[in-house]
Every structure is written in C-alpha cells, then in structure tokens.
Amino acid sequence: MSGRELLGWVCVGLLSTWFFLSIDPLDISLPLGYYNHKRIVQIVLLSLLPLLLYSGEYRRVCGDCLCDGRPVLLWGGSLFFIGIGAVLSDNIGHALLESLHWLLLLGVFVAGFYIARLGLSAYLVAFFLVCHAFLVFKALIYLGFEVFLSSSLRPDLVYPSVSQIRFFNQVQVFIIPLLVIFAANTSYKKISYLLLFGNFLLAFSGGARGLLVSILATGILAYWLLSSWRYDLRRGACVFLAAYLCYEFQHLFLDSVATNSDVLRFHSSGRFTIWQEVIFSLNYSHIFLGEGVGAYSFHDFHRIEGHPHNSILQFLYEWGGVATFAGIASVVWIMRRAWVELVQSSVAPKNSSIQAGLLLAVVSACVYSLFSGIVVMPVPQTLLFLGLGLLWGGVVKGDGCRLVSSGYLKKRSILKLAGGALIFTALITYADFCGKYFMQQAEFPKEIRGPRFWVEGAQFLEYE
C-alpha cells in the first residue's frame, strides 16, 4: 500500500470513527449531555484533519481543489467578509471562535475531496449506512414498544442517542437519499429498502415535517433533472407511501399521540415569528457586513433558540449579504458541476451512483436548512462539508494546481514553515477558546440561548 492510499484510509478511519462516536448507537457518550458530546467529537476531528496537510502526498492530491478557482475564490471572499464582521462584532471573542470553527470545517471538505480522488468514497458511505442502520433498528424497536405496549406515541422516547428528536432527523436527511440510490445499485436491495422504510416510518412517527418536505422536494427535482434515476426514484416513492400507510395504521393501537408527532399539524412551531423577527432586524448595513458569526445566539431576541431555523436568514444576519451570496454561490457551483457530470455520463459507472446519492443528500440538506439548524448542529454541519468535498473530488479533473504540482512550495521551505505555524496557532487558539467557552457555561446556567456552539448557547465572554 502506497503512502497516498494509506493516508486515504486514515481519512476514512478518522471520519468513520467520528460518525460512529457522534451518532452513538451503543450509548457510550461522554457524561456531558448528548449535544455537547457530539460537539466535542467534532472539535477533535476538526483539530486532527489539518495536521494531514503536513504530508506532501496529501497536499499534492488536495491541490486539485484549486484547479477550478471559482468556488475557491467565492469561498475565500466569503471568509474574508466573515472575518471582517467578526472583528467588528459586539462580541469579538464569540465571533472569532465561530469564524475559526467555520474555517476549520474546510478541513472536512478537503478530507472528503482526498477520499473521493482516491476512489474510497464507496467505503466511507457504506460504513455510514451500516452504522446508521443499527441506530434505525434500535429506534424501530423502541417504536414498537411504545406503540404496542404503552399504546402511545412519544417521539422523545423513540429516537435514541439524541437530546432532541430533530437532531435525529438532521442525520436522516443525508442518509435517506443515499439509501434510495444504494438500494437501486447494489445486491443488498431488500435490506436497503427495509432501512429506507424504517427511516420514513420514524420520520412520520416523529412528525418530521421539514425532513419529509425536503426529501419530497429533492425527489421531485431529481426526477426532473436526473432522468437515468427516475425508475429508482419511483420505487423510493412507493416505499415512502408504504411507510405513510403504516404510520396511519399504527394509530389504531394508540390512545394518545404527542402534539409534536402529528405529521399533519399545520402550525409553524414558532418559525414564522422567528423569521419575522430576524427580517425586521436587518438593515442596509447587512448588505456588506453581518453582526458576526454566532451573533444571533447572543443578541437580544425574544426567542431563546440559538439559531433562526433558516440558514439564509442566519447568514444574512451574521455574515452579511456579500459573504452569504459568495458562500451559497460556491455550494451551488459544486452541485451544478456534479449534476452536469451525471447528465453527461462522464462519471465512471462505478462512481455515478455514489455521486448521484451524494448530490441528492447535499440538496436535501440544503433544503432542510431552510427549516432547521443543519448549518449549526455538529453532526449535520460536518456531513454537509463532507458531502460537498466528496462531490467535488468526484468531478474535478487535473493533476493539481501549478503552484503545488510544480514543486514551488516544496522549494520554499519558509512558506511551509509559515503555513505550519499558522495551522498550529489556529488550532491552539481554537482549542483554548473551546475549552474556556465550555467551562464558562457552568457559570451562567440561566443564560440559555441554545443550542448553538455548546448546548446552552450563552455568549462567550473572552473579551468582555
């Protein structure tokens, strides 16, 4: 095994370990609450991945990221305006912490790109599906006990390893599209459709309207734009309908149903109020600069949620219009490139199904982020960057950018030393901020504006 392949498997191992510890199917989480456990696991991952850049092989392969400069320039511009907004924020420490967090998330994107370039995407996706399958079967067992033994439906007792049922749905939005494609293109069709049915049944039973709307919207869009997968999408729709009928049938055994588990409820769960409040707080200055990353969680809004349940409104308020446009444009560019490759059938047959599944998963997550905290919560946030990295690695062609492939950086040791010092400084600062912020939470038990970075969401007072 070459050094390049070994590094690829190291990336797969790190991300697989992160996913297993994050969804925690064996209930071995840290005694700090499920949410903080997931954040700590994410922090460890984000601190380890940049260290791979010390390998020349890793840098050479990842140099292909720079072959198409448009998304790089867009994301770089977005980070620039995010940084300016953080420096001018009312709470510099808090904004710098979350800005640094977003910067380190690019390490997940780069690792996903590296895995895709080495052709290891299928192994990582397969592990995610198998690991999540244990969690789904466990949840279905809980659901059976809840319905047939207690004659009730309380989602909080059904969804394992989460402190809030929507955190479970935020992982499902990535898994369900992958299962649709996986079921259609592997020899494990029966178990794949069984898992797909289980995920849909759990979504209906938990009243996951945002998740179901996102999956439906993505399915309709895919049916229109990806004609090669229309037969597979129709079969997925049949599983969706079967799960809904089973959901209605189980109501025959119920004496009581929790209000938040009714999938046909018509209220907005307070979202309209939150969105209006954010919209009214925007002004002309937000066209250029926002209030600083994380500002929504420490500014004086009437709601106690740490995010507005809408990614675009959150970015406009915290990042500003320019950074928001640039960040969204870079994501759209990657998805468009992946779609063009699939339509033109230039992707190798072995990888086309993986690319289709990843594209649908990313689109579903982006749609769901308009109703939920996908871009805030530790697990879906990481999965979104990973999915984009895997997609980009599957479509970008070339032998690396000239700056890397020419050996320029190799000849300029001073640049390598400066880059290493910058990475080391960023990681030390990040770890220091995370630790101080975590310890501070215990001092302000009544200041709950979460979940955000930590579950409490109270502002970080490093510079107060």
Protein backbone atom coordinates (compact mmCIF):
# COMPACT_ATOMS: atom_id res chain seq x y z
CA MET A 1 0.00 0.00 0.00
CA SER A 2 1.39 3.36 -1.06
CA GLY A 3 1.65 6.35 1.23
CA ARG A 4 -1.15 8.04 -0.71
CA GLU A 5 -3.52 5.10 -0.18
CA LEU A 6 -2.54 4.84 3.49
CA LEU A 7 -3.44 8.49 4.01
CA GLY A 8 -6.75 7.87 2.26
CA TRP A 9 -7.59 5.10 4.67
CA VAL A 10 -6.51 7.29 7.58
CA CYS A 11 -9.08 9.88 6.42
CA VAL A 12 -11.74 7.18 6.07
CA GLY A 13 -10.86 5.89 9.54
CA LEU A 14 -10.99 9.31 11.17
CA LEU A 15 -14.34 10.21 9.61
CA SER A 16 -15.80 6.75 10.30
CA THR A 17 -14.75 6.96 13.95
CA TRP A 18 -16.21 10.46 14.18
CA PHE A 19 -19.55 9.32 12.74
CA PHE A 20 -19.77 6.26 14.99
CA LEU A 21 -18.99 8.25 18.13
CA SER A 22 -21.33 11.07 17.09
CA ILE A 23 -24.49 9.06 16.43
CA ASP A 24 -23.52 6.80 19.35
CA PRO A 25 -25.54 3.64 18.59
CA LEU A 26 -24.10 1.91 21.69
CA ASP A 27 -24.87 4.77 24.11
CA ILE A 28 -21.27 5.32 25.18
CA SER A 29 -21.38 9.11 25.08
CA LEU A 30 -19.49 11.40 27.43
CA PRO A 31 -21.41 12.36 30.60
CA LEU A 32 -21.87 15.92 29.33
CA GLY A 33 -25.17 15.57 27.51
CA TYR A 34 -25.69 14.17 24.01
CA TYR A 35 -25.31 17.52 22.27
CA ASN A 36 -22.06 18.55 23.95
CA HIS A 37 -20.74 15.02 23.37
CA LYS A 38 -21.29 15.43 19.63
CA ARG A 39 -19.65 18.86 19.64
CA ILE A 40 -16.57 17.58 21.47
CA VAL A 41 -16.19 14.72 18.99
CA GLN A 42 -16.47 17.24 16.15
CA ILE A 43 -13.87 19.52 17.75
CA VAL A 44 -11.40 16.61 17.97
CA LEU A 45 -12.00 15.79 14.29
CA LEU A 46 -11.53 19.41 13.19
CA SER A 47 -8.30 19.59 15.20
CA LEU A 48 -6.85 16.41 13.67
CA LEU A 49 -7.65 16.83 9.98
CA PRO A 50 -5.49 19.96 9.37
CA LEU A 51 -2.45 18.00 10.61
CA LEU A 52 -2.68 15.86 7.46
CA LEU A 53 -1.52 18.88 5.47
CA TYR A 54 1.97 18.20 6.81
CA SER A 55 2.08 15.28 4.34
CA GLY A 56 3.35 16.15 0.87
CA GLU A 57 1.20 13.41 -0.69
CA TYR A 58 -1.92 14.84 0.92
CA ARG A 59 -1.08 18.36 -0.29
CA ARG A 60 -0.39 17.18 -3.84
CA VAL A 61 -3.73 15.39 -4.21
CA CYS A 62 -5.66 18.14 -2.46
CA GLY A 63 -4.04 20.66 -4.77
CA ASP A 64 -6.63 19.55 -7.34
CA CYS A 65 -9.16 21.51 -5.27
CA LEU A 66 -7.57 24.64 -6.71
CA CYS A 67 -7.84 23.62 -10.38
CA ASP A 68 -11.17 25.36 -10.69
CA GLY A 69 -10.64 28.67 -8.94
CA ARG A 70 -14.23 29.90 -8.96
CA PRO A 71 -15.55 28.12 -5.85
CA VAL A 72 -12.20 28.76 -4.14
CA LEU A 73 -12.42 32.49 -4.81
CA LEU A 74 -16.07 32.59 -3.78
CA TRP A 75 -15.43 30.81 -0.51
CA GLY A 76 -12.31 32.86 0.12
CA GLY A 77 -14.30 36.05 -0.39
CA SER A 78 -16.97 34.77 1.95
CA LEU A 79 -14.41 34.02 4.67
CA PHE A 80 -12.86 37.47 4.22
CA PHE A 81 -16.14 39.28 4.89
CA ILE A 82 -16.97 36.85 7.71
CA GLY A 83 -13.63 37.75 9.33
CA ILE A 84 -14.21 41.49 8.97
CA GLY A 85 -17.66 41.09 10.51
CA ALA A 86 -16.18 39.14 13.41
CA VAL A 87 -13.61 41.84 14.17
CA LEU A 88 -16.35 44.49 14.19
CA SER A 89 -18.76 42.34 16.18
CA ASP A 90 -20.20 43.37 19.55
CA ASN A 91 -18.60 40.24 20.97
CA ILE A 92 -15.27 39.72 19.23
CA GLY A 93 -14.32 36.58 21.16
CA HIS A 94 -17.54 34.75 20.37
CA ALA A 95 -17.50 35.76 16.71
CA LEU A 96 -13.82 34.81 16.28
CA LEU A 97 -14.43 31.40 17.84
CA GLU A 98 -17.27 30.54 15.49
CA SER A 99 -15.46 32.08 12.50
CA LEU A 100 -12.44 29.89 13.24
CA HIS A 101 -14.79 26.92 13.56
CA TRP A 102 -16.14 27.56 10.05
CA LEU A 103 -12.60 27.90 8.72
CA LEU A 104 -11.59 24.53 10.20
CA LEU A 105 -14.67 22.90 8.68
CA LEU A 106 -12.88 23.32 5.36
CA GLY A 107 -10.57 20.56 6.60
CA VAL A 108 -13.54 18.19 6.42
CA PHE A 109 -14.21 19.35 2.85
CA VAL A 110 -10.57 18.74 1.89
CA ALA A 111 -10.56 15.28 3.52
CA GLY A 112 -13.71 14.37 1.60
CA PHE A 113 -12.07 15.59 -1.61
CA TYR A 114 -8.99 13.45 -0.90
CA ILE A 115 -11.10 10.36 -0.21
CA ALA A 116 -13.03 10.83 -3.46
CA ARG A 117 -9.86 11.33 -5.51
CA LEU A 118 -8.52 8.01 -4.22
CA GLY A 119 -11.78 6.20 -5.03
CA LEU A 120 -12.64 5.42 -1.41
CA SER A 121 -16.00 7.22 -1.24
CA ALA A 122 -17.98 3.97 -1.50
CA TYR A 123 -16.28 2.51 1.59
CA LEU A 124 -16.97 5.60 3.69
CA VAL A 125 -20.60 5.82 2.56
CA ALA A 126 -21.13 2.10 3.19
CA PHE A 127 -19.82 2.43 6.74
CA PHE A 128 -22.10 5.39 7.40
CA LEU A 129 -25.10 3.42 6.16
CA VAL A 130 -24.26 0.32 8.21
CA CYS A 131 -23.59 2.38 11.34
CA HIS A 132 -26.82 4.32 10.94
CA ALA A 133 -28.70 1.07 10.30
CA PHE A 134 -28.01 -0.04 13.89
CA LEU A 135 -29.47 3.22 15.15
CA VAL A 136 -32.58 2.82 12.96
CA PHE A 137 -33.23 -0.76 14.06
CA LYS A 138 -32.81 0.33 17.67
CA ALA A 139 -35.29 3.18 17.16
CA LEU A 140 -37.78 0.83 15.48
CA ILE A 141 -37.62 -1.49 18.49
CA TYR A 142 -38.32 1.48 20.77
CA LEU A 143 -41.18 2.50 18.48
CA GLY A 144 -42.68 -0.99 18.68
CA PHE A 145 -42.57 -0.99 22.47
CA GLU A 146 -44.06 2.50 22.58
CA VAL A 147 -46.99 1.71 20.26
CA PHE A 148 -47.91 -1.85 21.20
CA LEU A 149 -47.08 -1.86 24.92
CA SER A 150 -47.81 1.68 26.08
CA SER A 151 -50.42 2.50 23.41
CA SER A 152 -48.92 5.94 22.98
CA LEU A 153 -46.53 7.75 20.71
CA ARG A 154 -43.97 9.95 22.42
CA PRO A 155 -41.11 10.60 19.97
CA ASP A 156 -38.76 11.67 22.76
CA LEU A 157 -38.77 8.03 23.91
CA VAL A 158 -38.33 6.61 20.41
CA TYR A 159 -35.30 8.38 19.00
CA PRO A 160 -32.07 7.10 20.62
CA SER A 161 -28.82 8.96 21.21
CA VAL A 162 -30.27 12.45 20.80
CA SER A 163 -31.36 15.14 23.24
CA GLN A 164 -33.90 16.50 20.76
CA ILE A 165 -35.77 14.45 18.16
CA ARG A 166 -34.95 16.84 15.31
CA PHE A 167 -31.24 16.06 15.74
CA PHE A 168 -32.07 12.53 14.59
CA ASN A 169 -33.91 13.89 11.54
CA GLN A 170 -30.94 16.09 10.63
CA VAL A 171 -28.84 12.96 10.08
CA GLN A 172 -31.65 11.16 8.26
CA VAL A 173 -31.78 13.89 5.62
CA PHE A 174 -28.32 12.75 4.45
CA ILE A 175 -28.92 9.01 4.84
CA ILE A 176 -32.30 8.65 3.09
CA PRO A 177 -31.14 9.89 -0.37
CA LEU A 178 -28.08 7.64 -0.14
CA LEU A 179 -30.32 4.68 0.67
CA VAL A 180 -32.52 5.34 -2.37
CA ILE A 181 -29.53 5.14 -4.71
CA PHE A 182 -27.83 2.37 -2.70
CA ALA A 183 -30.95 0.21 -2.88
CA ALA A 184 -31.12 0.60 -6.64
CA ASN A 185 -27.49 -0.14 -7.46
CA THR A 186 -26.31 -2.88 -5.10
CA SER A 187 -27.06 -6.51 -4.38
CA TYR A 188 -28.45 -5.56 -0.95
CA LYS A 189 -31.78 -4.28 -2.26
CA LYS A 190 -34.03 -5.92 0.34
CA ILE A 191 -32.19 -4.67 3.39
CA SER A 192 -31.72 -1.26 1.76
CA TYR A 193 -35.43 -0.85 1.13
CA LEU A 194 -36.15 -2.12 4.64
CA LEU A 195 -33.87 0.58 6.05
CA LEU A 196 -35.46 3.17 3.79
CA PHE A 197 -38.90 2.11 5.01
CA GLY A 198 -37.72 2.30 8.64
CA ASN A 199 -36.32 5.80 8.17
CA PHE A 200 -39.55 7.03 6.59
CA LEU A 201 -41.67 5.40 9.30
CA LEU A 202 -39.58 7.05 12.02
CA ALA A 203 -39.84 10.39 10.23
CA PHE A 204 -43.64 10.13 10.05
CA SER A 205 -43.89 8.93 13.65
CA GLY A 206 -41.78 11.83 14.88
CA GLY A 207 -43.72 14.41 12.90
CA ALA A 208 -40.63 15.43 10.93
CA ARG A 209 -42.39 17.75 8.50
CA GLY A 210 -39.28 19.66 7.47
CA LEU A 211 -37.38 16.45 6.74
CA LEU A 212 -40.22 14.96 4.70
CA VAL A 213 -40.79 18.18 2.73
CA SER A 214 -37.06 18.35 1.97
CA ILE A 215 -36.96 14.75 0.76
CA LEU A 216 -40.08 15.24 -1.38
CA ALA A 217 -38.77 18.48 -2.89
CA THR A 218 -35.41 16.86 -3.68
CA GLY A 219 -37.11 13.79 -5.14
CA ILE A 220 -39.25 15.90 -7.46
CA LEU A 221 -36.24 17.96 -8.54
CA ALA A 222 -34.17 14.81 -9.14
CA TYR A 223 -36.99 13.19 -11.12
CA TRP A 224 -36.97 16.22 -13.40
CA LEU A 225 -33.21 16.67 -13.76
CA LEU A 226 -31.83 13.10 -13.45
CA SER A 227 -33.79 11.03 -15.95
CA SER A 228 -31.49 8.00 -15.54
CA TRP A 229 -32.66 7.54 -11.94
CA ARG A 230 -36.40 8.02 -12.46
CA TYR A 231 -37.22 4.33 -12.06
CA ASP A 232 -35.25 4.20 -8.81
CA LEU A 233 -36.94 7.36 -7.54
CA ARG A 234 -40.38 5.88 -8.28
CA ARG A 235 -39.51 2.82 -6.19
CA GLY A 236 -38.35 5.09 -3.41
CA ALA A 237 -41.67 6.94 -3.64
CA CYS A 238 -43.50 3.61 -3.23
CA VAL A 239 -41.54 2.93 -0.04
CA PHE A 240 -42.44 6.45 1.14
CA LEU A 241 -46.15 5.75 0.56
CA ALA A 242 -45.94 2.35 2.29
CA ALA A 243 -44.33 3.97 5.35
CA TYR A 244 -47.09 6.59 5.49
CA LEU A 245 -49.80 3.92 5.34
CA CYS A 246 -48.07 2.01 8.13
CA TYR A 247 -47.89 5.24 10.14
CA GLU A 248 -51.66 5.71 9.76
CA PHE A 249 -52.27 2.04 10.61
CA GLN A 250 -50.31 2.25 13.87
CA HIS A 251 -52.71 4.96 15.06
CA LEU A 252 -55.27 2.18 15.54
CA PHE A 253 -53.21 0.99 18.51
CA LEU A 254 -52.70 4.42 20.08
CA ASP A 255 -54.57 6.01 22.94
CA SER A 256 -52.51 9.22 22.88
CA VAL A 257 -50.21 11.00 20.47
CA ALA A 258 -47.76 13.77 21.41
CA THR A 259 -48.56 17.04 19.66
CA ASN A 260 -45.13 17.27 18.04
CA SER A 261 -45.50 13.78 16.49
CA ASP A 262 -48.50 14.68 14.33
CA VAL A 263 -47.03 14.98 10.85
CA LEU A 264 -50.21 16.68 9.56
CA ARG A 265 -50.14 19.56 12.06
CA PHE A 266 -50.48 22.96 10.41
CA HIS A 267 -48.79 25.39 12.81
CA SER A 268 -45.28 26.70 12.13
CA SER A 269 -43.83 25.69 15.52
CA GLY A 270 -42.93 29.34 16.07
CA ARG A 271 -40.78 29.62 12.95
CA PHE A 272 -42.78 32.43 11.34
CA THR A 273 -42.30 34.53 14.46
CA ILE A 274 -38.57 33.86 14.48
CA TRP A 275 -38.18 34.64 10.78
CA GLN A 276 -40.14 37.88 11.05
CA GLU A 277 -38.02 39.00 13.97
CA VAL A 278 -34.79 38.39 12.03
CA ILE A 279 -36.12 40.08 8.88
CA PHE A 280 -37.14 43.19 10.83
CA SER A 281 -33.69 43.34 12.45
CA LEU A 282 -31.93 43.53 9.06
CA ASN A 283 -30.85 46.91 7.68
CA TYR A 284 -28.82 48.27 4.78
CA SER A 285 -25.51 47.63 6.56
CA HIS A 286 -26.19 43.89 6.41
CA ILE A 287 -25.71 44.01 2.65
CA PHE A 288 -21.96 44.18 3.25
CA LEU A 289 -21.27 43.01 6.81
CA GLY A 290 -23.15 40.98 9.37
CA GLU A 291 -23.21 41.12 13.14
CA GLY A 292 -20.55 38.42 13.47
CA VAL A 293 -20.79 34.63 13.38
CA GLY A 294 -22.86 33.39 16.31
CA ALA A 295 -24.39 36.83 16.90
CA TYR A 296 -27.95 35.53 16.75
CA SER A 297 -27.33 33.45 19.86
CA PHE A 298 -26.17 36.40 22.00
CA HIS A 299 -28.22 39.32 20.69
CA ASP A 300 -31.43 40.23 22.45
CA PHE A 301 -34.16 38.41 20.50
CA HIS A 302 -37.39 37.41 22.17
CA ARG A 303 -36.96 33.74 21.25
CA ILE A 304 -34.48 31.60 23.16
CA GLU A 305 -33.35 29.45 20.21
CA GLY A 306 -29.70 29.81 19.30
CA HIS A 307 -30.46 29.95 15.57
CA PRO A 308 -33.41 31.18 13.47
CA HIS A 309 -34.19 27.81 11.81
CA ASN A 310 -33.34 29.23 8.41
CA SER A 311 -29.81 29.16 7.03
CA ILE A 312 -30.22 32.09 4.62
CA LEU A 313 -31.66 34.43 7.26
CA GLN A 314 -28.99 33.32 9.72
CA PHE A 315 -26.20 34.00 7.23
CA LEU A 316 -27.63 37.37 6.21
CA TYR A 317 -27.80 38.48 9.83
CA GLU A 318 -24.46 37.06 10.97
CA TRP A 319 -22.34 37.06 7.80
CA GLY A 320 -23.81 39.88 5.73
CA GLY A 321 -25.12 39.82 2.17
CA VAL A 322 -21.79 39.62 0.32
CA ALA A 323 -20.45 36.68 2.34
CA THR A 324 -23.81 34.93 2.15
CA PHE A 325 -24.02 35.28 -1.62
CA ALA A 326 -20.43 34.11 -2.11
CA GLY A 327 -20.82 31.12 0.23
CA ILE A 328 -24.10 29.96 -1.31
CA ALA A 329 -22.76 30.52 -4.84
CA SER A 330 -19.76 28.25 -4.13
CA VAL A 331 -22.06 25.47 -2.91
CA VAL A 332 -24.38 25.87 -5.91
CA TRP A 333 -21.39 25.78 -8.25
CA ILE A 334 -20.22 22.44 -6.82
CA MET A 335 -23.71 20.94 -7.04
CA ARG A 336 -24.15 22.18 -10.61
CA ARG A 337 -20.82 20.67 -11.67
CA ALA A 338 -21.81 17.34 -10.13
CA TRP A 339 -25.17 17.43 -11.91
CA VAL A 340 -23.56 18.22 -15.29
CA GLU A 341 -21.14 15.31 -14.86
CA LEU A 342 -24.01 12.94 -14.08
CA VAL A 343 -26.14 14.10 -17.02
CA GLN A 344 -23.24 13.87 -19.45
CA SER A 345 -22.35 10.39 -18.11
CA SER A 346 -18.67 11.29 -17.92
CA VAL A 347 -18.51 9.87 -14.42
CA ALA A 348 -17.29 6.27 -14.27
CA PRO A 349 -20.24 3.84 -13.91
CA LYS A 350 -18.85 2.58 -10.63
CA ASN A 351 -18.94 6.06 -9.13
CA SER A 352 -22.02 7.54 -10.81
CA SER A 353 -24.45 6.07 -8.29
CA ILE A 354 -22.32 7.36 -5.40
CA GLN A 355 -22.20 10.82 -6.96
CA ALA A 356 -25.98 10.79 -7.51
CA GLY A 357 -26.62 9.78 -3.91
CA LEU A 358 -24.24 12.41 -2.54
CA LEU A 359 -25.76 15.11 -4.75
CA LEU A 360 -29.28 14.27 -3.57
CA ALA A 361 -28.10 14.17 0.06
CA VAL A 362 -26.48 17.62 -0.18
CA VAL A 363 -29.50 19.12 -1.95
CA SER A 364 -31.86 17.61 0.65
CA ALA A 365 -29.75 19.01 3.47
CA CYS A 366 -29.68 22.47 1.89
CA VAL A 367 -33.47 22.47 1.54
CA TYR A 368 -33.88 21.22 5.12
CA SER A 369 -31.59 24.01 6.34
CA LEU A 370 -34.38 26.44 5.42
CA PHE A 371 -36.48 24.94 8.24
CA SER A 372 -33.92 23.58 10.70
CA GLY A 373 -30.45 24.04 12.18
CA ILE A 374 -28.49 21.96 9.69
CA VAL A 375 -25.72 24.57 9.44
CA VAL A 376 -25.42 24.88 13.23
CA MET A 377 -25.66 21.38 14.73
CA PRO A 378 -22.33 19.49 14.92
CA VAL A 379 -23.22 16.28 13.06
CA PRO A 380 -25.18 17.61 10.02
CA GLN A 381 -22.81 20.57 9.77
CA THR A 382 -19.87 18.18 9.35
CA LEU A 383 -21.80 15.91 6.99
CA LEU A 384 -22.64 18.88 4.77
CA PHE A 385 -18.99 19.85 4.32
CA LEU A 386 -18.01 16.21 3.87
CA GLY A 387 -20.70 15.65 1.24
CA LEU A 388 -19.57 18.73 -0.70
CA GLY A 389 -15.94 17.56 -0.53
CA LEU A 390 -16.82 14.07 -1.78
CA LEU A 391 -18.86 15.61 -4.61
CA TRP A 392 -16.07 17.98 -5.63
CA GLY A 393 -13.48 15.20 -5.55
CA GLY A 394 -15.68 13.14 -7.88
CA VAL A 395 -15.92 15.79 -10.59
CA VAL A 396 -12.68 17.80 -10.55
CA LYS A 397 -10.08 16.61 -13.03
CA GLY A 398 -6.42 17.51 -13.31
CA ASP A 399 -3.05 16.80 -11.77
CA GLY A 400 -3.12 19.56 -9.18
CA CYS A 401 -2.69 23.28 -9.46
CA ARG A 402 0.58 24.54 -10.88
CA LEU A 403 1.68 26.03 -7.58
CA VAL A 404 1.59 22.60 -5.92
CA SER A 405 2.46 20.26 -8.79
CA SER A 406 5.43 22.36 -9.89
CA GLY A 407 7.09 21.81 -6.54
CA TYR A 408 7.14 25.53 -5.81
CA LEU A 409 6.01 25.05 -2.24
CA LYS A 410 8.48 22.23 -1.79
CA LYS A 411 11.33 24.54 -2.77
CA ARG A 412 10.15 27.32 -0.49
CA SER A 413 10.62 25.89 2.98
CA ILE A 414 9.93 29.29 4.53
CA LEU A 415 6.38 29.15 3.13
CA LYS A 416 5.88 25.66 4.52
CA LEU A 417 7.12 26.75 7.92
CA ALA A 418 4.85 29.78 7.88
CA GLY A 419 1.88 27.62 6.85
CA GLY A 420 2.63 25.11 9.59
CA ALA A 421 2.96 27.86 12.19
CA LEU A 422 -0.36 29.34 11.05
CA ILE A 423 -2.12 25.99 11.34
CA PHE A 424 -0.59 25.32 14.75
CA THR A 425 -1.56 28.78 16.03
CA ALA A 426 -5.12 28.41 14.73
CA LEU A 427 -5.54 25.01 16.38
CA ILE A 428 -4.14 26.17 19.72
CA THR A 429 -6.39 29.25 19.67
CA TYR A 430 -9.40 27.17 18.70
CA ALA A 431 -8.80 24.58 21.44
CA ASP A 432 -8.23 27.33 24.02
CA PHE A 433 -11.43 29.16 23.07
CA CYS A 434 -13.48 25.96 23.03
CA GLY A 435 -12.26 24.95 26.47
CA LYS A 436 -12.79 28.37 28.05
CA TYR A 437 -16.23 28.67 26.48
CA PHE A 438 -17.23 25.23 27.75
CA MET A 439 -16.09 25.98 31.29
CA GLN A 440 -17.92 29.30 31.20
CA GLN A 441 -21.27 27.62 30.51
CA ALA A 442 -21.46 26.27 34.07
CA GLU A 443 -21.17 29.82 35.44
CA PHE A 444 -24.26 31.12 33.64
CA PRO A 445 -26.92 28.39 33.98
CA LYS A 446 -29.80 30.83 33.38
CA GLU A 447 -28.41 32.32 30.15
CA ILE A 448 -29.72 29.72 27.72
CA ARG A 449 -29.75 30.74 24.06
CA GLY A 450 -29.11 27.36 22.55
CA PRO A 451 -28.36 25.05 21.14
CA ARG A 452 -25.57 26.74 19.24
CA PHE A 453 -21.87 26.04 19.74
CA TRP A 454 -22.45 24.44 23.13
CA VAL A 455 -25.94 23.38 24.07
CA GLU A 456 -26.57 26.31 26.42
CA GLY A 457 -25.68 28.88 23.77
CA ALA A 458 -24.82 31.70 26.19
CA GLN A 459 -22.34 34.19 24.75
CA PHE A 460 -18.61 33.67 25.12
CA LEU A 461 -17.15 36.39 27.34
CA GLU A 462 -13.44 36.08 26.49
CA TYR A 463 -13.12 39.80 25.70
CA GLU A 464 -15.78 41.18 28.00
